[in-house]
Amino acid sequence: MDYPETKYPLQKETYLIIGLCMEVHRNLGHGFLENVYKDALDYEFQQNGVPYEREKSYRIKYKDEYLKHGYNADFVVYDEIVLEVKATNGVATGTFSRVINYLAASKCKIGLLVNFGEPSLYHKRFIL
């Protein structure tokens, strides 16, 4: 696959992830629960040799101690891309904040938000 000139970090990797999300959406359509899409992405990542962790936990440090609550990212791909999966009718702006918070907590460079809940796959990139 040819990629356009690189304009942001991990561009090739994000194109691949979005392409795999599109493949899942093409096969399943919209209407399933989030976990169904996450399971399908598990399959696609494994089949395509994409390194990832699912439900990765991040602890939040405040001054000199870790707080009781943290974040669980749906996926962390290539150790540097947070992937947040939704399956809703529309995406609330609070979800954007969540992805930005995941980036801050994880120190990852790129965040991807994908929503499988629409007739066409919605995706948005966040660059830290």
C-alpha atoms as a PDB file:
ATOM      1  CA  MET A   1       0.000   0.000   0.000  1.00  0.00           C
ATOM      2  CA  ASP A   2       1.346   3.438  -0.897  1.00  0.00           C
ATOM      3  CA  TYR A   3       1.087   6.123   1.739  1.00  0.00           C
ATOM      4  CA  PRO A   4       1.068   9.869   1.183  1.00  0.00           C
ATOM      5  CA  GLU A   5       3.995  11.916   2.402  1.00  0.00           C
ATOM      6  CA  THR A   6       4.311  11.735   6.192  1.00  0.00           C
ATOM      7  CA  LYS A   7       2.773  14.802   7.840  1.00  0.00           C
ATOM      8  CA  TYR A   8       2.487  13.642  11.459  1.00  0.00           C
ATOM      9  CA  PRO A   9       4.047  10.963  13.666  1.00  0.00           C
ATOM     10  CA  LEU A  10       3.048   7.331  13.088  1.00  0.00           C
ATOM     11  CA  GLN A  11       1.040   8.171   9.989  1.00  0.00           C
ATOM     12  CA  LYS A  12       1.568   4.777   8.315  1.00  0.00           C
ATOM     13  CA  GLU A  13       0.563   2.977  11.495  1.00  0.00           C
ATOM     14  CA  THR A  14      -2.586   5.063  11.967  1.00  0.00           C
ATOM     15  CA  TYR A  15      -3.583   4.457   8.316  1.00  0.00           C
ATOM     16  CA  LEU A  16      -3.223   0.722   8.894  1.00  0.00           C
ATOM     17  CA  ILE A  17      -5.288   0.822  12.105  1.00  0.00           C
ATOM     18  CA  ILE A  18      -8.044   2.866  10.446  1.00  0.00           C
ATOM     19  CA  GLY A  19      -7.994   0.482   7.491  1.00  0.00           C
ATOM     20  CA  LEU A  20      -8.452  -2.495   9.816  1.00  0.00           C
ATOM     21  CA  CYS A  21     -11.311  -0.673  11.553  1.00  0.00           C
ATOM     22  CA  MET A  22     -12.910  -0.129   8.136  1.00  0.00           C
ATOM     23  CA  GLU A  23     -12.514  -3.840   7.414  1.00  0.00           C
ATOM     24  CA  VAL A  24     -14.324  -4.687  10.656  1.00  0.00           C
ATOM     25  CA  HIS A  25     -17.077  -2.188   9.855  1.00  0.00           C
ATOM     26  CA  ARG A  26     -17.453  -3.575   6.303  1.00  0.00           C
ATOM     27  CA  ASN A  27     -17.897  -7.079   7.691  1.00  0.00           C
ATOM     28  CA  LEU A  28     -20.053  -6.377  10.753  1.00  0.00           C
ATOM     29  CA  GLY A  29     -21.818  -3.147   9.846  1.00  0.00           C
ATOM     30  CA  HIS A  30     -23.249  -1.078  12.690  1.00  0.00           C
ATOM     31  CA  GLY A  31     -25.520  -2.109  15.535  1.00  0.00           C
ATOM     32  CA  PHE A  32     -23.378  -4.426  17.669  1.00  0.00           C
ATOM     33  CA  LEU A  33     -22.049  -3.679  21.151  1.00  0.00           C
ATOM     34  CA  GLU A  34     -18.552  -2.223  21.556  1.00  0.00           C
ATOM     35  CA  ASN A  35     -17.091  -5.510  22.767  1.00  0.00           C
ATOM     36  CA  VAL A  36     -18.034  -7.226  19.505  1.00  0.00           C
ATOM     37  CA  TYR A  37     -16.031  -4.657  17.552  1.00  0.00           C
ATOM     38  CA  LYS A  38     -13.136  -4.914  20.016  1.00  0.00           C
ATOM     39  CA  ASP A  39     -13.115  -8.695  19.586  1.00  0.00           C
ATOM     40  CA  ALA A  40     -13.076  -8.266  15.803  1.00  0.00           C
ATOM     41  CA  LEU A  41     -10.193  -5.794  16.114  1.00  0.00           C
ATOM     42  CA  ASP A  42      -8.343  -8.341  18.280  1.00  0.00           C
ATOM     43  CA  TYR A  43      -8.692 -10.755  15.387  1.00  0.00           C
ATOM     44  CA  GLU A  44      -7.572  -8.230  12.742  1.00  0.00           C
ATOM     45  CA  PHE A  45      -4.562  -7.070  14.774  1.00  0.00           C
ATOM     46  CA  GLN A  46      -3.457 -10.660  15.316  1.00  0.00           C
ATOM     47  CA  GLN A  47      -3.971 -11.644  11.656  1.00  0.00           C
ATOM     48  CA  ASN A  48      -1.992  -8.611  10.468  1.00  0.00           C
ATOM     49  CA  GLY A  49       0.859  -8.850  12.979  1.00  0.00           C
ATOM     50  CA  VAL A  50      -0.011  -5.532  14.611  1.00  0.00           C
ATOM     51  CA  PRO A  51       1.396  -5.234  18.157  1.00  0.00           C
ATOM     52  CA  TYR A  52      -1.236  -4.121  20.659  1.00  0.00           C
ATOM     53  CA  GLU A  53      -2.537  -4.332  24.206  1.00  0.00           C
ATOM     54  CA  ARG A  54      -6.224  -4.403  25.015  1.00  0.00           C
ATOM     55  CA  GLU A  55      -7.716  -2.640  28.074  1.00  0.00           C
ATOM     56  CA  LYS A  56      -4.357  -1.212  29.108  1.00  0.00           C
ATOM     57  CA  SER A  57      -4.471   0.472  32.509  1.00  0.00           C
ATOM     58  CA  TYR A  58      -2.780   3.761  33.275  1.00  0.00           C
ATOM     59  CA  ARG A  59      -2.271   5.063  36.774  1.00  0.00           C
ATOM     60  CA  ILE A  60      -2.355   8.793  37.373  1.00  0.00           C
ATOM     61  CA  LYS A  61       0.386  10.334  39.455  1.00  0.00           C
ATOM     62  CA  TYR A  62      -0.432  13.432  41.465  1.00  0.00           C
ATOM     63  CA  LYS A  63       2.602  15.097  42.996  1.00  0.00           C
ATOM     64  CA  ASP A  64       4.435  12.235  44.716  1.00  0.00           C
ATOM     65  CA  GLU A  65       1.735   9.569  44.798  1.00  0.00           C
ATOM     66  CA  TYR A  66      -0.533   7.601  42.508  1.00  0.00           C
ATOM     67  CA  LEU A  67      -4.259   8.245  42.684  1.00  0.00           C
ATOM     68  CA  LYS A  68      -6.787   5.484  43.346  1.00  0.00           C
ATOM     69  CA  HIS A  69      -8.420   5.887  39.954  1.00  0.00           C
ATOM     70  CA  GLY A  70      -6.832   5.860  36.539  1.00  0.00           C
ATOM     71  CA  TYR A  71      -7.706   5.130  32.935  1.00  0.00           C
ATOM     72  CA  ASN A  72      -8.210   1.956  30.927  1.00  0.00           C
ATOM     73  CA  ALA A  73      -7.520   2.527  27.252  1.00  0.00           C
ATOM     74  CA  ASP A  74      -9.474   0.228  24.910  1.00  0.00           C
ATOM     75  CA  PHE A  75      -6.307  -0.513  22.925  1.00  0.00           C
ATOM     76  CA  VAL A  76      -2.748   0.726  22.809  1.00  0.00           C
ATOM     77  CA  VAL A  77      -1.281  -0.106  19.411  1.00  0.00           C
ATOM     78  CA  TYR A  78       2.415  -0.027  18.518  1.00  0.00           C
ATOM     79  CA  ASP A  79       3.037   1.130  22.129  1.00  0.00           C
ATOM     80  CA  GLU A  80       2.310   4.699  20.986  1.00  0.00           C
ATOM     81  CA  ILE A  81      -1.258   4.925  19.669  1.00  0.00           C
ATOM     82  CA  VAL A  82      -4.313   4.953  21.927  1.00  0.00           C
ATOM     83  CA  LEU A  83      -7.394   3.536  20.200  1.00  0.00           C
ATOM     84  CA  GLU A  84     -10.781   4.335  21.756  1.00  0.00           C
ATOM     85  CA  VAL A  85     -13.669   2.280  20.353  1.00  0.00           C
ATOM     86  CA  LYS A  86     -17.304   3.403  20.441  1.00  0.00           C
ATOM     87  CA  ALA A  87     -20.505   1.921  19.041  1.00  0.00           C
ATOM     88  CA  THR A  88     -23.008   4.708  19.508  1.00  0.00           C
ATOM     89  CA  ASN A  89     -25.301   6.871  17.433  1.00  0.00           C
ATOM     90  CA  GLY A  90     -23.055   9.933  17.251  1.00  0.00           C
ATOM     91  CA  VAL A  91     -20.030  10.808  19.365  1.00  0.00           C
ATOM     92  CA  ALA A  92     -20.374  13.074  22.390  1.00  0.00           C
ATOM     93  CA  THR A  93     -17.742  15.780  22.780  1.00  0.00           C
ATOM     94  CA  GLY A  94     -16.902  14.310  26.198  1.00  0.00           C
ATOM     95  CA  THR A  95     -15.426  11.366  24.339  1.00  0.00           C
ATOM     96  CA  PHE A  96     -12.911  13.736  22.724  1.00  0.00           C
ATOM     97  CA  SER A  97     -11.792  14.815  26.195  1.00  0.00           C
ATOM     98  CA  ARG A  98     -11.433  11.191  27.237  1.00  0.00           C
ATOM     99  CA  VAL A  99      -9.054  10.470  24.347  1.00  0.00           C
ATOM    100  CA  ILE A 100      -7.019  13.577  25.174  1.00  0.00           C
ATOM    101  CA  ASN A 101      -6.843  12.461  28.824  1.00  0.00           C
ATOM    102  CA  TYR A 102      -5.674   9.000  27.706  1.00  0.00           C
ATOM    103  CA  LEU A 103      -2.902  10.662  25.719  1.00  0.00           C
ATOM    104  CA  ALA A 104      -1.815  12.710  28.725  1.00  0.00           C
ATOM    105  CA  ALA A 105      -1.868   9.696  31.044  1.00  0.00           C
ATOM    106  CA  SER A 106      -0.153   7.314  28.630  1.00  0.00           C
ATOM    107  CA  LYS A 107       2.329   9.741  27.057  1.00  0.00           C
ATOM    108  CA  CYS A 108       1.357   8.239  23.698  1.00  0.00           C
ATOM    109  CA  LYS A 109       1.786  10.457  20.644  1.00  0.00           C
ATOM    110  CA  ILE A 110      -1.449   9.687  18.783  1.00  0.00           C
ATOM    111  CA  GLY A 111      -5.031   9.000  19.802  1.00  0.00           C
ATOM    112  CA  LEU A 112      -7.623   7.485  17.518  1.00  0.00           C
ATOM    113  CA  LEU A 113     -11.341   7.541  18.178  1.00  0.00           C
ATOM    114  CA  VAL A 114     -13.457   5.198  16.070  1.00  0.00           C
ATOM    115  CA  ASN A 115     -17.218   4.853  16.196  1.00  0.00           C
ATOM    116  CA  PHE A 116     -18.773   1.740  14.683  1.00  0.00           C
ATOM    117  CA  GLY A 117     -22.324   2.825  15.583  1.00  0.00           C
ATOM    118  CA  GLU A 118     -23.051   4.706  12.368  1.00  0.00           C
ATOM    119  CA  PRO A 119     -23.740   3.456   8.824  1.00  0.00           C
ATOM    120  CA  SER A 120     -20.255   4.764   7.904  1.00  0.00           C
ATOM    121  CA  LEU A 121     -17.251   4.350  10.179  1.00  0.00           C
ATOM    122  CA  TYR A 122     -16.387   7.569  12.007  1.00  0.00           C
ATOM    123  CA  HIS A 123     -12.766   8.183  12.960  1.00  0.00           C
ATOM    124  CA  LYS A 124     -10.827  11.093  14.374  1.00  0.00           C
ATOM    125  CA  ARG A 125      -7.109  11.502  15.078  1.00  0.00           C
ATOM    126  CA  PHE A 126      -5.701  13.350  18.061  1.00  0.00           C
ATOM    127  CA  ILE A 127      -2.038  14.352  17.996  1.00  0.00           C
ATOM    128  CA  LEU A 128      -0.302  15.237  21.236  1.00  0.00           C
END
